[in-house]
Amino acid sequence: MKLLIAAFALLSVGCTTTTPAPSPEEAFRFGGISMPASGKVLETKSDRGIDMRYQVVLTLPAEDVPELLRASNFAPGVQEDDRLVNGRHVYRKVKVDGTTVHLELFTT
């Protein structure tokens, strides 16, 4: 039995693949995010298990942050919500740090 477990562990290591970073458009569709043309995506990551989560870091002029939130249907003054997007509940968190915006979009 120990030999079987060891063999499986060795085979699993050889089968591990790296998944490419998701496209920002994929993350935006998932979370119902509408980004102004002035925005620039700095980083997009995702993890998947039972649930799906995207993390996006972007930069845009400070005066365009309200447009991002309005166009993405966040209520005024709300930076954390849940929304029905394409038939699934997506929890959305936004953290604004000057001109840098961090988005976390996930199901649960």
N, C-alpha and C. Protein backbone atom coordinates (compact mmCIF):
# COMPACT_ATOMS: atom_id res chain seq x y z
N MET A 1 0.82 -1.18 0.00
CA MET A 1 0.00 0.00 0.00
C MET A 1 0.87 1.26 0.00
N LYS A 2 1.95 1.26 0.84
CA LYS A 2 2.84 2.42 0.87
C LYS A 2 3.50 2.64 -0.48
N LEU A 3 3.83 1.55 -1.16
CA LEU A 3 4.45 1.65 -2.48
C LEU A 3 3.47 2.27 -3.47
N LEU A 4 2.21 1.90 -3.42
CA LEU A 4 1.19 2.45 -4.29
C LEU A 4 1.01 3.94 -4.05
N ILE A 5 0.98 4.35 -2.81
CA ILE A 5 0.84 5.77 -2.47
C ILE A 5 2.06 6.56 -2.97
N ALA A 6 3.25 6.03 -2.78
CA ALA A 6 4.47 6.69 -3.24
C ALA A 6 4.47 6.82 -4.76
N ALA A 7 4.05 5.79 -5.46
CA ALA A 7 4.01 5.82 -6.93
C ALA A 7 3.01 6.87 -7.40
N PHE A 8 1.86 6.94 -6.75
CA PHE A 8 0.85 7.93 -7.12
C PHE A 8 1.37 9.34 -6.89
N ALA A 9 2.05 9.54 -5.78
CA ALA A 9 2.61 10.87 -5.47
C ALA A 9 3.62 11.29 -6.52
N LEU A 10 4.47 10.39 -6.96
CA LEU A 10 5.45 10.71 -7.99
C LEU A 10 4.78 11.02 -9.32
N LEU A 11 3.78 10.27 -9.68
CA LEU A 11 3.06 10.52 -10.92
C LEU A 11 2.32 11.84 -10.88
N SER A 12 1.77 12.19 -9.74
CA SER A 12 1.04 13.45 -9.61
C SER A 12 1.95 14.64 -9.79
N VAL A 13 3.16 14.56 -9.29
CA VAL A 13 4.12 15.65 -9.44
C VAL A 13 4.43 15.88 -10.91
N GLY A 14 4.56 14.83 -11.67
CA GLY A 14 4.87 14.96 -13.09
C GLY A 14 3.70 15.49 -13.89
N CYS A 15 2.48 15.42 -13.38
CA CYS A 15 1.30 15.85 -14.12
C CYS A 15 0.85 17.26 -13.77
N THR A 16 1.53 17.92 -12.88
CA THR A 16 1.12 19.25 -12.48
C THR A 16 1.38 20.23 -13.61
N THR A 17 0.39 21.07 -13.90
CA THR A 17 0.56 22.08 -14.94
C THR A 17 0.26 23.45 -14.35
N THR A 18 0.85 24.44 -14.92
CA THR A 18 0.60 25.81 -14.50
C THR A 18 -0.53 26.37 -15.34
N THR A 19 -1.52 26.95 -14.69
CA THR A 19 -2.60 27.54 -15.45
C THR A 19 -2.27 28.99 -15.75
N PRO A 20 -2.53 29.42 -16.97
CA PRO A 20 -2.22 30.81 -17.31
C PRO A 20 -3.14 31.77 -16.57
N ALA A 21 -2.68 32.99 -16.40
CA ALA A 21 -3.50 34.01 -15.74
C ALA A 21 -4.74 34.26 -16.60
N PRO A 22 -5.88 34.46 -15.98
CA PRO A 22 -7.10 34.72 -16.75
C PRO A 22 -7.03 36.10 -17.40
N SER A 23 -7.81 36.28 -18.43
CA SER A 23 -7.85 37.60 -19.05
C SER A 23 -8.68 38.54 -18.18
N PRO A 24 -8.35 39.81 -18.19
CA PRO A 24 -9.16 40.78 -17.43
C PRO A 24 -10.62 40.75 -17.88
N GLU A 25 -10.84 40.59 -19.18
CA GLU A 25 -12.21 40.56 -19.71
C GLU A 25 -13.01 39.41 -19.10
N GLU A 26 -12.37 38.26 -18.92
CA GLU A 26 -13.02 37.11 -18.29
C GLU A 26 -13.43 37.46 -16.85
N ALA A 27 -12.54 38.09 -16.12
CA ALA A 27 -12.84 38.48 -14.74
C ALA A 27 -13.95 39.53 -14.70
N PHE A 28 -13.91 40.50 -15.60
CA PHE A 28 -14.92 41.55 -15.63
C PHE A 28 -16.30 40.97 -15.97
N ARG A 29 -16.36 40.05 -16.94
CA ARG A 29 -17.64 39.39 -17.27
C ARG A 29 -18.17 38.63 -16.06
N PHE A 30 -17.29 37.90 -15.39
CA PHE A 30 -17.66 37.11 -14.22
C PHE A 30 -18.30 37.99 -13.15
N GLY A 31 -17.71 39.16 -12.90
CA GLY A 31 -18.16 40.02 -11.81
C GLY A 31 -19.08 41.16 -12.20
N GLY A 32 -19.44 41.25 -13.48
CA GLY A 32 -20.30 42.34 -13.91
C GLY A 32 -19.63 43.69 -13.77
N ILE A 33 -18.34 43.74 -14.08
CA ILE A 33 -17.56 44.97 -13.96
C ILE A 33 -17.46 45.64 -15.32
N SER A 34 -17.68 46.94 -15.34
CA SER A 34 -17.56 47.73 -16.56
C SER A 34 -16.46 48.76 -16.35
N MET A 35 -15.33 48.54 -16.99
CA MET A 35 -14.17 49.40 -16.75
C MET A 35 -14.12 50.55 -17.75
N PRO A 36 -13.89 51.77 -17.27
CA PRO A 36 -13.74 52.91 -18.18
C PRO A 36 -12.53 52.72 -19.10
N ALA A 37 -12.58 53.34 -20.25
CA ALA A 37 -11.49 53.22 -21.23
C ALA A 37 -10.17 53.75 -20.68
N SER A 38 -10.23 54.63 -19.69
CA SER A 38 -9.00 55.21 -19.12
C SER A 38 -8.27 54.24 -18.20
N GLY A 39 -8.89 53.10 -17.85
CA GLY A 39 -8.29 52.15 -16.92
C GLY A 39 -7.23 51.28 -17.57
N LYS A 40 -6.30 50.83 -16.75
CA LYS A 40 -5.24 49.92 -17.20
C LYS A 40 -5.12 48.81 -16.17
N VAL A 41 -5.22 47.56 -16.63
CA VAL A 41 -5.12 46.41 -15.73
C VAL A 41 -3.65 46.15 -15.43
N LEU A 42 -3.31 46.03 -14.15
CA LEU A 42 -1.95 45.75 -13.73
C LEU A 42 -1.73 44.26 -13.47
N GLU A 43 -2.78 43.58 -12.96
CA GLU A 43 -2.63 42.16 -12.60
C GLU A 43 -4.00 41.50 -12.54
N THR A 44 -4.06 40.27 -12.99
CA THR A 44 -5.28 39.45 -12.88
C THR A 44 -4.88 38.07 -12.42
N LYS A 45 -5.54 37.60 -11.35
CA LYS A 45 -5.29 36.25 -10.82
C LYS A 45 -6.62 35.57 -10.58
N SER A 46 -6.58 34.24 -10.54
CA SER A 46 -7.79 33.51 -10.18
C SER A 46 -7.41 32.24 -9.45
N ASP A 47 -8.34 31.75 -8.65
CA ASP A 47 -8.23 30.41 -8.07
C ASP A 47 -9.59 29.76 -8.19
N ARG A 48 -9.53 28.46 -8.33
CA ARG A 48 -10.75 27.70 -8.52
C ARG A 48 -10.70 26.45 -7.68
N GLY A 49 -11.79 26.19 -7.04
CA GLY A 49 -12.00 24.96 -6.28
C GLY A 49 -13.48 24.69 -6.42
N ILE A 50 -14.17 24.55 -5.32
CA ILE A 50 -15.62 24.47 -5.39
C ILE A 50 -16.16 25.81 -5.87
N ASP A 51 -15.52 26.89 -5.43
CA ASP A 51 -15.90 28.24 -5.81
C ASP A 51 -14.87 28.81 -6.78
N MET A 52 -15.18 29.96 -7.33
CA MET A 52 -14.28 30.65 -8.26
C MET A 52 -14.00 32.03 -7.69
N ARG A 53 -12.74 32.49 -7.82
CA ARG A 53 -12.38 33.82 -7.34
C ARG A 53 -11.42 34.47 -8.32
N TYR A 54 -11.69 35.72 -8.64
CA TYR A 54 -10.80 36.53 -9.44
C TYR A 54 -10.32 37.69 -8.59
N GLN A 55 -9.06 38.06 -8.78
CA GLN A 55 -8.50 39.25 -8.16
C GLN A 55 -7.90 40.08 -9.28
N VAL A 56 -8.31 41.33 -9.36
CA VAL A 56 -7.84 42.22 -10.42
C VAL A 56 -7.32 43.49 -9.77
N VAL A 57 -6.15 43.92 -10.20
CA VAL A 57 -5.60 45.20 -9.75
C VAL A 57 -5.51 46.07 -11.00
N LEU A 58 -6.07 47.27 -10.89
CA LEU A 58 -6.03 48.18 -12.03
C LEU A 58 -5.75 49.59 -11.57
N THR A 59 -5.41 50.41 -12.51
CA THR A 59 -5.16 51.81 -12.22
C THR A 59 -5.97 52.65 -13.19
N LEU A 60 -6.49 53.74 -12.69
CA LEU A 60 -7.21 54.68 -13.53
C LEU A 60 -7.22 56.03 -12.82
N PRO A 61 -7.45 57.11 -13.58
CA PRO A 61 -7.48 58.43 -12.95
C PRO A 61 -8.51 58.46 -11.82
N ALA A 62 -8.18 59.16 -10.75
CA ALA A 62 -9.06 59.21 -9.57
C ALA A 62 -10.46 59.69 -9.94
N GLU A 63 -10.58 60.60 -10.89
CA GLU A 63 -11.90 61.11 -11.27
C GLU A 63 -12.75 60.07 -12.00
N ASP A 64 -12.13 58.97 -12.48
CA ASP A 64 -12.87 57.92 -13.18
C ASP A 64 -13.30 56.76 -12.27
N VAL A 65 -12.84 56.75 -11.02
CA VAL A 65 -13.23 55.70 -10.08
C VAL A 65 -14.75 55.68 -9.86
N PRO A 66 -15.39 56.84 -9.64
CA PRO A 66 -16.85 56.81 -9.49
C PRO A 66 -17.57 56.25 -10.72
N GLU A 67 -17.04 56.50 -11.91
CA GLU A 67 -17.62 55.95 -13.14
C GLU A 67 -17.52 54.43 -13.16
N LEU A 68 -16.39 53.90 -12.74
CA LEU A 68 -16.21 52.44 -12.65
C LEU A 68 -17.27 51.85 -11.72
N LEU A 69 -17.44 52.44 -10.56
CA LEU A 69 -18.40 51.92 -9.58
C LEU A 69 -19.84 52.06 -10.08
N ARG A 70 -20.17 53.19 -10.68
CA ARG A 70 -21.53 53.41 -11.19
C ARG A 70 -21.83 52.46 -12.34
N ALA A 71 -20.92 52.37 -13.30
CA ALA A 71 -21.13 51.51 -14.48
C ALA A 71 -21.18 50.04 -14.11
N SER A 72 -20.56 49.68 -12.99
CA SER A 72 -20.55 48.28 -12.52
C SER A 72 -21.70 48.01 -11.55
N ASN A 73 -22.60 48.99 -11.40
CA ASN A 73 -23.81 48.87 -10.59
C ASN A 73 -23.57 48.70 -9.10
N PHE A 74 -22.52 49.35 -8.58
CA PHE A 74 -22.36 49.43 -7.13
C PHE A 74 -23.26 50.57 -6.65
N ALA A 75 -23.94 50.37 -5.54
CA ALA A 75 -24.75 51.44 -4.96
C ALA A 75 -23.82 52.55 -4.48
N PRO A 76 -24.28 53.79 -4.50
CA PRO A 76 -23.43 54.90 -4.04
C PRO A 76 -22.88 54.65 -2.63
N GLY A 77 -21.58 54.81 -2.48
CA GLY A 77 -20.93 54.64 -1.19
C GLY A 77 -20.68 53.20 -0.78
N VAL A 78 -21.11 52.23 -1.60
CA VAL A 78 -20.95 50.81 -1.27
C VAL A 78 -19.78 50.24 -2.07
N GLN A 79 -18.87 49.59 -1.37
CA GLN A 79 -17.73 48.99 -2.06
C GLN A 79 -17.65 47.49 -1.82
N GLU A 80 -18.75 46.92 -1.34
CA GLU A 80 -18.83 45.48 -1.13
C GLU A 80 -20.28 45.08 -1.32
N ASP A 81 -20.55 44.17 -2.25
CA ASP A 81 -21.92 43.74 -2.48
C ASP A 81 -21.96 42.33 -3.04
N ASP A 82 -23.16 41.84 -3.23
CA ASP A 82 -23.32 40.61 -3.96
C ASP A 82 -24.37 40.89 -5.02
N ARG A 83 -24.19 40.28 -6.17
CA ARG A 83 -25.02 40.58 -7.32
C ARG A 83 -25.23 39.30 -8.11
N LEU A 84 -26.39 39.19 -8.72
CA LEU A 84 -26.67 38.08 -9.61
C LEU A 84 -26.09 38.43 -10.98
N VAL A 85 -25.08 37.66 -11.41
CA VAL A 85 -24.42 37.89 -12.69
C VAL A 85 -24.47 36.57 -13.47
N ASN A 86 -25.11 36.60 -14.62
CA ASN A 86 -25.23 35.41 -15.46
C ASN A 86 -25.73 34.19 -14.69
N GLY A 87 -26.73 34.41 -13.83
CA GLY A 87 -27.36 33.31 -13.13
C GLY A 87 -26.65 32.81 -11.87
N ARG A 88 -25.60 33.49 -11.42
CA ARG A 88 -24.91 33.06 -10.20
C ARG A 88 -24.67 34.27 -9.30
N HIS A 89 -24.67 34.02 -8.00
CA HIS A 89 -24.37 35.09 -7.05
C HIS A 89 -22.87 35.31 -7.02
N VAL A 90 -22.48 36.53 -7.27
CA VAL A 90 -21.07 36.91 -7.23
C VAL A 90 -20.91 37.97 -6.15
N TYR A 91 -19.99 37.71 -5.24
CA TYR A 91 -19.65 38.66 -4.20
C TYR A 91 -18.52 39.52 -4.73
N ARG A 92 -18.67 40.84 -4.57
CA ARG A 92 -17.71 41.77 -5.15
C ARG A 92 -17.20 42.72 -4.08
N LYS A 93 -15.89 42.85 -4.02
CA LYS A 93 -15.27 43.78 -3.08
C LYS A 93 -14.37 44.71 -3.87
N VAL A 94 -14.41 45.98 -3.54
CA VAL A 94 -13.57 46.99 -4.19
C VAL A 94 -12.81 47.74 -3.11
N LYS A 95 -11.52 47.88 -3.32
CA LYS A 95 -10.70 48.69 -2.42
C LYS A 95 -9.98 49.72 -3.29
N VAL A 96 -10.20 50.98 -3.00
CA VAL A 96 -9.60 52.06 -3.78
C VAL A 96 -8.49 52.67 -2.95
N ASP A 97 -7.31 52.74 -3.55
CA ASP A 97 -6.14 53.33 -2.90
C ASP A 97 -5.55 54.36 -3.86
N GLY A 98 -6.07 55.57 -3.82
CA GLY A 98 -5.64 56.60 -4.77
C GLY A 98 -6.12 56.26 -6.17
N THR A 99 -5.17 56.00 -7.07
CA THR A 99 -5.53 55.65 -8.44
C THR A 99 -5.46 54.14 -8.68
N THR A 100 -5.17 53.37 -7.63
CA THR A 100 -5.12 51.92 -7.75
C THR A 100 -6.41 51.33 -7.18
N VAL A 101 -6.99 50.42 -7.93
CA VAL A 101 -8.25 49.77 -7.53
C VAL A 101 -8.01 48.27 -7.46
N HIS A 102 -8.39 47.67 -6.34
CA HIS A 102 -8.29 46.22 -6.14
C HIS A 102 -9.71 45.66 -6.17
N LEU A 103 -9.95 44.70 -7.06
CA LEU A 103 -11.25 44.03 -7.14
C LEU A 103 -11.09 42.59 -6.72
N GLU A 104 -12.01 42.12 -5.90
CA GLU A 104 -12.08 40.70 -5.56
C GLU A 104 -13.49 40.25 -5.90
N LEU A 105 -13.59 39.27 -6.78
CA LEU A 105 -14.87 38.79 -7.30
C LEU A 105 -14.94 37.31 -7.07
N PHE A 106 -15.94 36.82 -6.33
CA PHE A 106 -15.96 35.40 -6.03
C PHE A 106 -17.37 34.88 -5.81
N THR A 107 -17.53 33.58 -5.99
CA THR A 107 -18.76 32.89 -5.67
C THR A 107 -18.55 32.14 -4.37
N THR A 108 -19.62 31.74 -3.74
CA THR A 108 -19.51 30.95 -2.51
C THR A 108 -20.77 30.16 -2.28
